[in-house]
Amino acid sequence: MTKARGKKEHEYVIARITVKGRRFEILVNPELAFRFREGEKIPIENVLVGDYVYKDVRRGLKASPEELREIFGTDNLYKIAEEIIKKGELQLTTEQRRALLEAKKKQIINYIARSAVDPRTNTPIPPSRIEKAIEEARVAIDLYKSVEEQVPHIIKAISRLLPIKLARALLQVHIPSAIAARCYQQVMKLGDIRKTQWLADGSLIVELEIPAGMQNEVIDKLNAITKGNVSVKVLSVG
């Protein structure tokens, strides 16, 4: 196999795409490539291992600039690499795949925990209960589908074992006049603002919409920002 920049073989994998019946390959750092594919802002030059687009990495066959321009509309390595990583496939080892699947599973569990509630009580569900339900329902996690794409069918699968629904919560936050102006900007960042009202006494009322599973987290943050000088009321969950 073609060596790249003196790297050990386990430090890189092949990213591959087939366009119009033609295969193109690049060498990439597996973890960085996966994170880049997931939307993380990582410089593409850090993801790449090597300086070429290949037709066959293992045989050392490089694609010509003419072929690249014909297929990708450019022979710019970085632009082509972005397309291959985002739209192609990563040739991961079993160990790499297992580690990335576990990381994706944790992302999904955290997303559901922040976005869902028990419909009987409208209260957040601990991540450990969500994880247990996913395991019991034997839900298959797709490494290459986004968290948002997978959550609806996962919710449907685990709802047979665990009362759960995706929901939004509307909080009414009342901050006293002594600290309202100082806390205003921080509070605005905690969710989607539905209403802001400055009262005659200088205090502030904000209606804040958040993922329902984040109620406890947001209330804790409000208490930290105001040092406990805040009144929070849950107006609705649905």
Protein backbone atom coordinates (compact mmCIF):
# COMPACT_ATOMS: atom_id res chain seq x y z
CA MET A 1 0.00 0.00 0.00
CA THR A 2 1.19 3.52 -0.75
CA LYS A 3 2.67 5.12 2.36
CA ALA A 4 1.64 8.67 3.19
CA ARG A 5 3.91 11.23 4.79
CA GLY A 6 5.64 8.55 6.83
CA LYS A 7 2.47 7.71 8.75
CA LYS A 8 1.84 4.30 10.25
CA GLU A 9 -0.91 2.44 8.44
CA HIS A 10 -3.31 2.38 11.41
CA GLU A 11 -3.21 6.19 11.56
CA TYR A 12 -5.08 6.60 8.30
CA VAL A 13 -7.84 4.97 6.27
CA ILE A 14 -9.17 5.23 2.74
CA ALA A 15 -12.11 7.50 1.96
CA ARG A 16 -13.73 6.44 -1.31
CA ILE A 17 -16.39 7.65 -3.71
CA THR A 18 -17.69 6.29 -7.02
CA VAL A 19 -18.91 8.85 -9.56
CA LYS A 20 -20.13 7.91 -13.04
CA GLY A 21 -18.72 4.44 -12.57
CA ARG A 22 -15.26 5.73 -11.64
CA ARG A 23 -13.69 5.27 -8.22
CA PHE A 24 -11.66 7.96 -6.45
CA GLU A 25 -9.83 7.55 -3.16
CA ILE A 26 -7.92 9.65 -0.65
CA LEU A 27 -6.11 8.91 2.59
CA VAL A 28 -7.56 10.48 5.73
CA ASN A 29 -7.31 10.48 9.50
CA PRO A 30 -10.32 8.30 10.44
CA GLU A 31 -11.45 10.20 13.54
CA LEU A 32 -11.01 13.66 12.02
CA ALA A 33 -12.68 12.56 8.77
CA PHE A 34 -15.70 11.28 10.66
CA ARG A 35 -15.96 14.45 12.73
CA PHE A 36 -15.61 16.55 9.56
CA ARG A 37 -18.40 14.53 7.94
CA GLU A 38 -20.53 15.15 11.01
CA GLY A 39 -20.23 18.90 10.45
CA GLU A 40 -17.45 19.81 12.86
CA LYS A 41 -15.32 22.74 11.74
CA ILE A 42 -11.98 21.07 11.09
CA PRO A 43 -9.49 22.33 8.46
CA ILE A 44 -9.58 19.85 5.59
CA GLU A 45 -5.78 19.90 5.41
CA ASN A 46 -5.71 18.42 8.93
CA VAL A 47 -8.05 15.62 7.86
CA LEU A 48 -6.06 14.62 4.79
CA VAL A 49 -3.07 12.29 4.97
CA GLY A 50 -1.17 12.59 1.71
CA ASP A 51 -1.29 14.94 -1.23
CA TYR A 52 -3.10 13.04 -3.97
CA VAL A 53 -6.45 11.80 -5.21
CA TYR A 54 -6.11 8.18 -6.30
CA LYS A 55 -8.00 5.84 -8.55
CA ASP A 56 -6.63 2.98 -6.43
CA VAL A 57 -4.63 3.77 -3.30
CA ARG A 58 -3.38 0.24 -2.77
CA ARG A 59 -1.93 0.06 -6.28
CA GLY A 60 -0.65 3.64 -6.09
CA LEU A 61 -2.67 4.73 -9.15
CA LYS A 62 -3.21 8.48 -9.07
CA ALA A 63 -6.07 10.27 -10.81
CA SER A 64 -4.98 12.75 -13.45
CA PRO A 65 -5.88 16.45 -13.20
CA GLU A 66 -7.94 16.02 -16.40
CA GLU A 67 -10.00 13.22 -14.85
CA LEU A 68 -10.57 15.24 -11.69
CA ARG A 69 -11.73 18.31 -13.60
CA GLU A 70 -14.05 16.15 -15.70
CA ILE A 71 -15.70 14.48 -12.71
CA PHE A 72 -15.50 17.10 -9.94
CA GLY A 73 -15.25 20.29 -11.98
CA THR A 74 -11.93 21.09 -10.32
CA ASP A 75 -8.55 19.54 -9.65
CA ASN A 76 -8.25 21.29 -6.27
CA LEU A 77 -7.29 18.58 -3.78
CA TYR A 78 -9.06 20.14 -0.80
CA LYS A 79 -12.38 20.72 -2.60
CA ILE A 80 -12.39 17.18 -3.96
CA ALA A 81 -11.44 15.76 -0.56
CA GLU A 82 -14.39 17.55 1.06
CA GLU A 83 -16.78 15.96 -1.44
CA ILE A 84 -15.29 12.49 -1.02
CA ILE A 85 -15.46 12.65 2.77
CA LYS A 86 -18.98 14.06 2.92
CA LYS A 87 -20.57 11.93 0.20
CA GLY A 88 -18.39 8.83 0.05
CA GLU A 89 -17.54 6.09 2.50
CA LEU A 90 -14.77 5.57 5.04
CA GLN A 91 -12.94 2.23 5.02
CA LEU A 92 -12.81 1.81 8.80
CA THR A 93 -11.33 -1.04 10.79
CA THR A 94 -13.68 -3.00 13.05
CA GLU A 95 -12.20 -1.27 16.10
CA GLN A 96 -12.53 2.20 14.57
CA ARG A 97 -16.10 1.54 13.51
CA ARG A 98 -17.03 0.25 16.97
CA ALA A 99 -15.56 3.33 18.67
CA LEU A 100 -17.30 5.76 16.30
CA LEU A 101 -20.62 3.93 16.64
CA GLU A 102 -20.36 4.20 20.41
CA ALA A 103 -19.67 7.94 20.12
CA LYS A 104 -22.66 8.37 17.76
CA LYS A 105 -24.86 6.42 20.19
CA LYS A 106 -23.88 8.77 23.02
CA GLN A 107 -24.69 11.79 20.83
CA ILE A 108 -28.14 10.34 20.11
CA ILE A 109 -28.81 9.56 23.78
CA ASN A 110 -27.81 13.09 24.82
CA TYR A 111 -29.94 14.63 22.06
CA ILE A 112 -33.00 12.62 23.12
CA ALA A 113 -32.40 13.38 26.81
CA ARG A 114 -32.31 17.10 26.02
CA SER A 115 -35.30 17.04 23.67
CA ALA A 116 -37.77 14.55 25.13
CA VAL A 117 -39.90 14.13 28.25
CA ASP A 118 -42.06 11.54 29.95
CA PRO A 119 -45.55 12.48 28.64
CA ARG A 120 -47.16 11.36 31.89
CA THR A 121 -45.30 13.94 33.95
CA ASN A 122 -43.75 16.26 31.33
CA THR A 123 -40.42 15.84 33.11
CA PRO A 124 -37.00 15.04 31.60
CA ILE A 125 -35.87 11.41 31.26
CA PRO A 126 -32.40 10.42 32.53
CA PRO A 127 -29.93 9.44 29.79
CA SER A 128 -29.34 6.08 31.52
CA ARG A 129 -33.02 5.12 31.05
CA ILE A 130 -32.89 6.14 27.40
CA GLU A 131 -29.73 4.10 26.84
CA LYS A 132 -31.28 1.05 28.51
CA ALA A 133 -34.39 1.34 26.31
CA ILE A 134 -32.25 1.60 23.16
CA GLU A 135 -30.35 -1.54 24.15
CA GLU A 136 -33.52 -3.46 25.04
CA ALA A 137 -35.20 -2.43 21.78
CA ARG A 138 -32.05 -3.48 19.91
CA VAL A 139 -32.06 -0.28 17.89
CA ALA A 140 -29.41 -0.20 15.16
CA ILE A 141 -27.40 3.02 15.05
CA ASP A 142 -26.39 4.20 11.58
CA LEU A 143 -22.87 5.60 11.61
CA TYR A 144 -23.39 7.77 8.56
CA LYS A 145 -26.86 9.20 9.22
CA SER A 146 -27.11 12.37 11.29
CA VAL A 147 -28.45 12.34 14.83
CA GLU A 148 -31.51 14.33 13.73
CA GLU A 149 -32.30 11.83 10.97
CA GLN A 150 -32.20 8.86 13.34
CA VAL A 151 -33.99 10.23 16.38
CA PRO A 152 -37.62 9.92 15.10
CA HIS A 153 -37.42 6.18 14.40
CA ILE A 154 -35.43 5.59 17.60
CA ILE A 155 -38.09 7.40 19.63
CA LYS A 156 -40.74 5.24 17.95
CA ALA A 157 -38.80 2.06 18.72
CA ILE A 158 -38.15 2.79 22.38
CA SER A 159 -41.63 4.23 23.05
CA ARG A 160 -42.87 0.63 23.30
CA LEU A 161 -40.66 0.24 26.36
CA LEU A 162 -40.48 3.77 27.74
CA PRO A 163 -43.15 6.51 27.79
CA ILE A 164 -41.46 9.28 25.81
CA LYS A 165 -42.20 12.15 23.46
CA LEU A 166 -40.23 14.93 21.80
CA ALA A 167 -41.43 18.26 23.14
CA ARG A 168 -40.63 21.93 23.72
CA ALA A 169 -41.03 23.73 27.03
CA LEU A 170 -41.99 27.38 27.47
CA LEU A 171 -40.53 28.98 30.58
CA GLN A 172 -41.43 32.32 32.11
CA VAL A 173 -38.36 33.86 33.70
CA HIS A 174 -38.65 36.82 36.10
CA ILE A 175 -35.41 38.59 37.04
CA PRO A 176 -35.41 41.38 39.66
CA SER A 177 -34.42 44.92 38.71
CA ALA A 178 -31.13 44.92 40.65
CA ILE A 179 -29.56 42.38 38.27
CA ALA A 180 -31.86 42.35 35.20
CA ALA A 181 -29.69 44.54 32.95
CA ARG A 182 -26.51 42.69 33.90
CA CYS A 183 -28.02 39.24 33.24
CA TYR A 184 -29.99 40.11 30.12
CA GLN A 185 -27.47 39.03 27.45
CA GLN A 186 -26.68 35.71 29.14
CA VAL A 187 -30.36 34.83 29.55
CA MET A 188 -31.04 35.59 25.88
CA LYS A 189 -28.59 32.83 24.86
CA LEU A 190 -30.35 30.05 26.76
CA GLY A 191 -33.17 29.41 24.28
CA ASP A 192 -35.57 30.88 21.76
CA ILE A 193 -37.01 34.15 23.06
CA ARG A 194 -40.78 34.32 22.62
CA LYS A 195 -41.43 37.45 24.67
CA THR A 196 -39.46 40.10 26.55
CA GLN A 197 -41.04 42.59 28.93
CA TRP A 198 -39.36 45.24 31.06
CA LEU A 199 -41.63 46.13 33.99
CA ALA A 200 -42.04 49.59 35.52
CA ASP A 201 -39.92 48.60 38.53
CA GLY A 202 -36.97 47.69 36.22
CA SER A 203 -37.39 43.94 36.53
CA LEU A 204 -37.45 41.71 33.47
CA ILE A 205 -39.83 38.99 32.32
CA VAL A 206 -38.71 36.69 29.53
CA GLU A 207 -40.59 33.83 27.90
CA LEU A 208 -37.99 31.30 26.87
CA GLU A 209 -38.67 28.24 24.66
CA ILE A 210 -36.28 25.31 25.01
CA PRO A 211 -36.13 21.56 24.28
CA ALA A 212 -38.29 20.04 27.01
CA GLY A 213 -35.58 17.74 28.31
CA MET A 214 -33.37 20.74 29.10
CA GLN A 215 -35.67 22.24 31.73
CA ASN A 216 -33.51 21.31 34.73
CA GLU A 217 -30.30 22.30 32.93
CA VAL A 218 -31.63 25.73 31.91
CA ILE A 219 -33.10 26.42 35.35
CA ASP A 220 -29.73 25.54 36.91
CA LYS A 221 -28.02 27.95 34.51
CA LEU A 222 -30.52 30.71 35.34
CA ASN A 223 -29.85 30.22 39.03
CA ALA A 224 -26.10 30.36 38.39
CA ILE A 225 -26.37 33.53 36.27
CA THR A 226 -28.57 35.30 38.83
CA LYS A 227 -27.03 33.71 41.92
CA GLY A 228 -30.46 32.33 42.78
CA ASN A 229 -32.32 35.64 42.36
CA VAL A 230 -34.75 34.41 39.71
CA SER A 231 -38.29 33.10 39.49
CA VAL A 232 -38.99 30.45 36.85
CA LYS A 233 -42.40 29.11 35.89
CA VAL A 234 -43.08 26.38 33.34
CA LEU A 235 -45.91 27.76 31.19
CA SER A 236 -46.31 24.76 28.90
CA VAL A 237 -44.73 21.54 27.66
CA GLY A 238 -45.79 20.10 24.33
